[in-house]
Amino acid sequence: MKYEIRYHEIMSDHILAVPEFSRKEVVEADTQRDLRKYIEKQKDGWGNPFKKSKDKFAGFDYISRAGGIKVKVYKPPKVKKI
């Protein structure tokens, strides 16, 4: 199954900074376990690892000290042929 992973990171050192969208990627994983292992190996812009969020904190599926990840099933775009 293909998944879209959207990375959000804190871009500044301001005390009230919130995670902002930084990049996305599409990956294919056979199981949820493989997907989780892949994501937990990733690091945010400040070098902190991501961990699974138990209660989807602030809408993120995975969180780190300076960012978050949202994961959803990838749906390829529909292209009209003219």
N, C-alpha and C. Protein backbone atom coordinates (compact mmCIF):
# COMPACT_ATOMS: atom_id res chain seq x y z
N MET A 1 0.85 -1.17 0.00
CA MET A 1 0.00 0.00 0.00
C MET A 1 0.89 1.23 0.00
N LYS A 2 0.46 2.28 -0.68
CA LYS A 2 1.23 3.52 -0.76
C LYS A 2 0.70 4.54 0.24
N TYR A 3 1.63 5.25 0.87
CA TYR A 3 1.28 6.25 1.88
C TYR A 3 1.96 7.57 1.56
N GLU A 4 1.27 8.66 1.85
CA GLU A 4 1.85 9.99 1.73
C GLU A 4 2.26 10.44 3.13
N ILE A 5 3.52 10.77 3.29
CA ILE A 5 4.04 11.22 4.57
C ILE A 5 4.32 12.72 4.46
N ARG A 6 3.67 13.50 5.32
CA ARG A 6 3.84 14.96 5.31
C ARG A 6 4.59 15.38 6.58
N TYR A 7 5.76 15.96 6.37
CA TYR A 7 6.62 16.38 7.48
C TYR A 7 6.33 17.84 7.84
N HIS A 8 6.22 18.11 9.13
CA HIS A 8 6.04 19.45 9.65
C HIS A 8 7.14 19.69 10.67
N GLU A 9 7.83 20.83 10.55
CA GLU A 9 8.95 21.12 11.44
C GLU A 9 8.87 22.54 11.95
N ILE A 10 9.47 22.75 13.11
CA ILE A 10 9.59 24.11 13.65
C ILE A 10 10.78 24.74 12.94
N MET A 11 10.52 25.82 12.21
CA MET A 11 11.54 26.44 11.38
C MET A 11 12.36 27.51 12.12
N SER A 12 11.85 28.01 13.23
CA SER A 12 12.57 29.08 13.93
C SER A 12 12.77 28.70 15.39
N ASP A 13 13.52 29.53 16.09
CA ASP A 13 13.76 29.28 17.51
C ASP A 13 12.89 30.17 18.40
N HIS A 14 11.84 30.74 17.82
CA HIS A 14 10.92 31.59 18.57
C HIS A 14 10.14 30.76 19.57
N ILE A 15 9.88 31.31 20.73
CA ILE A 15 9.22 30.56 21.80
C ILE A 15 7.79 30.13 21.44
N LEU A 16 7.13 30.87 20.57
CA LEU A 16 5.75 30.53 20.18
C LEU A 16 5.67 29.89 18.79
N ALA A 17 6.77 29.40 18.29
CA ALA A 17 6.80 28.79 16.96
C ALA A 17 5.98 27.50 16.94
N VAL A 18 5.31 27.26 15.84
CA VAL A 18 4.52 26.04 15.66
C VAL A 18 5.07 25.30 14.45
N PRO A 19 4.90 23.98 14.41
CA PRO A 19 5.39 23.22 13.26
C PRO A 19 4.70 23.66 11.96
N GLU A 20 5.52 23.86 10.92
CA GLU A 20 5.04 24.25 9.61
C GLU A 20 5.39 23.15 8.61
N PHE A 21 4.56 23.02 7.58
CA PHE A 21 4.81 22.02 6.54
C PHE A 21 6.17 22.27 5.91
N SER A 22 6.99 21.21 5.79
CA SER A 22 8.31 21.38 5.19
C SER A 22 8.50 20.54 3.93
N ARG A 23 8.00 19.31 3.93
CA ARG A 23 8.17 18.45 2.76
C ARG A 23 7.22 17.26 2.85
N LYS A 24 7.10 16.53 1.73
CA LYS A 24 6.30 15.30 1.74
C LYS A 24 6.98 14.28 0.86
N GLU A 25 6.63 13.03 1.10
CA GLU A 25 7.13 11.94 0.28
C GLU A 25 6.07 10.85 0.22
N VAL A 26 6.15 10.05 -0.83
CA VAL A 26 5.25 8.92 -1.01
C VAL A 26 6.09 7.66 -0.89
N VAL A 27 5.65 6.76 -0.01
CA VAL A 27 6.37 5.50 0.20
C VAL A 27 5.40 4.35 0.04
N GLU A 28 5.96 3.19 -0.28
CA GLU A 28 5.15 1.98 -0.37
C GLU A 28 5.63 1.02 0.70
N ALA A 29 4.70 0.54 1.53
CA ALA A 29 5.03 -0.39 2.60
C ALA A 29 4.06 -1.55 2.57
N ASP A 30 4.57 -2.74 2.85
CA ASP A 30 3.72 -3.93 2.86
C ASP A 30 2.82 -3.98 4.09
N THR A 31 3.34 -3.54 5.24
CA THR A 31 2.56 -3.58 6.48
C THR A 31 2.69 -2.26 7.23
N GLN A 32 1.80 -2.05 8.19
CA GLN A 32 1.86 -0.87 9.05
C GLN A 32 3.14 -0.89 9.88
N ARG A 33 3.58 -2.08 10.23
CA ARG A 33 4.81 -2.20 11.04
C ARG A 33 6.02 -1.70 10.25
N ASP A 34 6.10 -2.06 8.97
CA ASP A 34 7.21 -1.58 8.13
C ASP A 34 7.17 -0.06 8.00
N LEU A 35 5.98 0.48 7.83
CA LEU A 35 5.82 1.93 7.73
C LEU A 35 6.28 2.60 9.02
N ARG A 36 5.87 2.06 10.15
CA ARG A 36 6.24 2.64 11.44
C ARG A 36 7.76 2.59 11.65
N LYS A 37 8.39 1.47 11.31
CA LYS A 37 9.84 1.35 11.45
C LYS A 37 10.56 2.39 10.59
N TYR A 38 10.06 2.60 9.36
CA TYR A 38 10.67 3.58 8.47
C TYR A 38 10.55 4.99 9.03
N ILE A 39 9.36 5.35 9.49
CA ILE A 39 9.14 6.70 10.00
C ILE A 39 9.95 6.96 11.27
N GLU A 40 10.03 5.97 12.14
CA GLU A 40 10.76 6.16 13.39
C GLU A 40 12.28 6.25 13.18
N LYS A 41 12.77 5.89 11.99
CA LYS A 41 14.18 6.08 11.66
C LYS A 41 14.46 7.50 11.15
N GLN A 42 13.41 8.22 10.76
CA GLN A 42 13.56 9.58 10.25
C GLN A 42 13.80 10.56 11.40
N LYS A 43 14.40 11.71 11.08
CA LYS A 43 14.66 12.74 12.08
C LYS A 43 14.15 14.08 11.56
N ASP A 44 13.77 14.95 12.51
CA ASP A 44 13.32 16.28 12.11
C ASP A 44 14.52 17.17 11.78
N GLY A 45 14.28 18.42 11.44
CA GLY A 45 15.34 19.34 11.06
C GLY A 45 16.37 19.61 12.14
N TRP A 46 16.03 19.33 13.38
CA TRP A 46 16.93 19.57 14.51
C TRP A 46 17.60 18.27 14.97
N GLY A 47 17.35 17.15 14.28
CA GLY A 47 18.01 15.89 14.60
C GLY A 47 17.30 15.02 15.61
N ASN A 48 16.04 15.32 15.92
CA ASN A 48 15.28 14.54 16.90
C ASN A 48 14.47 13.45 16.19
N PRO A 49 14.46 12.23 16.73
CA PRO A 49 13.70 11.14 16.10
C PRO A 49 12.19 11.29 16.33
N PHE A 50 11.40 10.72 15.43
CA PHE A 50 9.95 10.73 15.55
C PHE A 50 9.48 9.49 16.30
N LYS A 51 8.40 9.63 17.06
CA LYS A 51 7.79 8.52 17.77
C LYS A 51 6.29 8.54 17.51
N LYS A 52 5.67 7.37 17.58
CA LYS A 52 4.22 7.26 17.37
C LYS A 52 3.48 8.03 18.46
N SER A 53 2.51 8.84 18.07
CA SER A 53 1.70 9.60 19.01
C SER A 53 0.52 8.75 19.44
N LYS A 54 0.32 8.61 20.73
CA LYS A 54 -0.75 7.75 21.24
C LYS A 54 -2.14 8.35 21.00
N ASP A 55 -2.27 9.66 21.13
CA ASP A 55 -3.58 10.29 21.03
C ASP A 55 -3.67 11.30 19.88
N LYS A 56 -2.80 11.14 18.87
CA LYS A 56 -2.78 12.05 17.72
C LYS A 56 -2.67 13.50 18.18
N PHE A 57 -1.64 13.79 18.94
CA PHE A 57 -1.40 15.12 19.50
C PHE A 57 -1.33 16.17 18.38
N ALA A 58 -2.18 17.19 18.48
CA ALA A 58 -2.24 18.30 17.52
C ALA A 58 -2.47 17.82 16.08
N GLY A 59 -3.08 16.64 15.91
CA GLY A 59 -3.37 16.13 14.58
C GLY A 59 -2.24 15.35 13.93
N PHE A 60 -1.13 15.18 14.64
CA PHE A 60 0.02 14.46 14.08
C PHE A 60 -0.02 13.00 14.48
N ASP A 61 0.32 12.12 13.52
CA ASP A 61 0.40 10.69 13.79
C ASP A 61 1.70 10.32 14.50
N TYR A 62 2.78 11.06 14.18
CA TYR A 62 4.08 10.88 14.81
C TYR A 62 4.59 12.25 15.24
N ILE A 63 5.27 12.29 16.38
CA ILE A 63 5.78 13.57 16.87
C ILE A 63 7.24 13.44 17.28
N SER A 64 7.92 14.58 17.31
CA SER A 64 9.28 14.67 17.81
C SER A 64 9.35 15.92 18.68
N ARG A 65 10.52 16.26 19.16
CA ARG A 65 10.65 17.44 20.00
C ARG A 65 10.44 18.72 19.21
N ALA A 66 10.64 18.69 17.90
CA ALA A 66 10.53 19.91 17.10
C ALA A 66 9.77 19.69 15.80
N GLY A 67 8.75 18.82 15.82
CA GLY A 67 8.00 18.61 14.60
C GLY A 67 6.98 17.49 14.72
N GLY A 68 6.35 17.20 13.60
CA GLY A 68 5.35 16.15 13.56
C GLY A 68 5.18 15.62 12.15
N ILE A 69 4.53 14.47 12.06
CA ILE A 69 4.28 13.82 10.77
C ILE A 69 2.81 13.44 10.69
N LYS A 70 2.22 13.72 9.53
CA LYS A 70 0.87 13.27 9.23
C LYS A 70 0.97 12.23 8.12
N VAL A 71 0.28 11.11 8.31
CA VAL A 71 0.33 10.01 7.34
C VAL A 71 -1.07 9.75 6.83
N LYS A 72 -1.19 9.58 5.51
CA LYS A 72 -2.48 9.19 4.93
C LYS A 72 -2.22 8.30 3.74
N VAL A 73 -3.23 7.55 3.37
CA VAL A 73 -3.13 6.66 2.22
C VAL A 73 -3.02 7.51 0.96
N TYR A 74 -2.08 7.16 0.11
CA TYR A 74 -1.85 7.91 -1.12
C TYR A 74 -2.85 7.52 -2.19
N LYS A 75 -3.48 8.53 -2.75
CA LYS A 75 -4.40 8.32 -3.87
C LYS A 75 -3.80 9.03 -5.07
N PRO A 76 -3.46 8.30 -6.12
CA PRO A 76 -2.84 8.94 -7.27
C PRO A 76 -3.80 9.94 -7.91
N PRO A 77 -3.26 11.01 -8.48
CA PRO A 77 -4.11 12.02 -9.09
C PRO A 77 -4.81 11.49 -10.34
N LYS A 78 -5.98 11.99 -10.59
CA LYS A 78 -6.73 11.63 -11.79
C LYS A 78 -6.33 12.61 -12.89
N VAL A 79 -5.90 12.08 -14.00
CA VAL A 79 -5.47 12.91 -15.12
C VAL A 79 -6.46 12.74 -16.27
N LYS A 80 -6.97 13.86 -16.74
CA LYS A 80 -7.90 13.82 -17.87
C LYS A 80 -7.13 13.80 -19.18
N LYS A 81 -7.52 12.93 -20.05
CA LYS A 81 -6.90 12.87 -21.37
C LYS A 81 -7.77 13.67 -22.33
N ILE A 82 -7.14 14.58 -23.06
CA ILE A 82 -7.91 15.41 -23.99
C ILE A 82 -7.44 15.21 -25.41
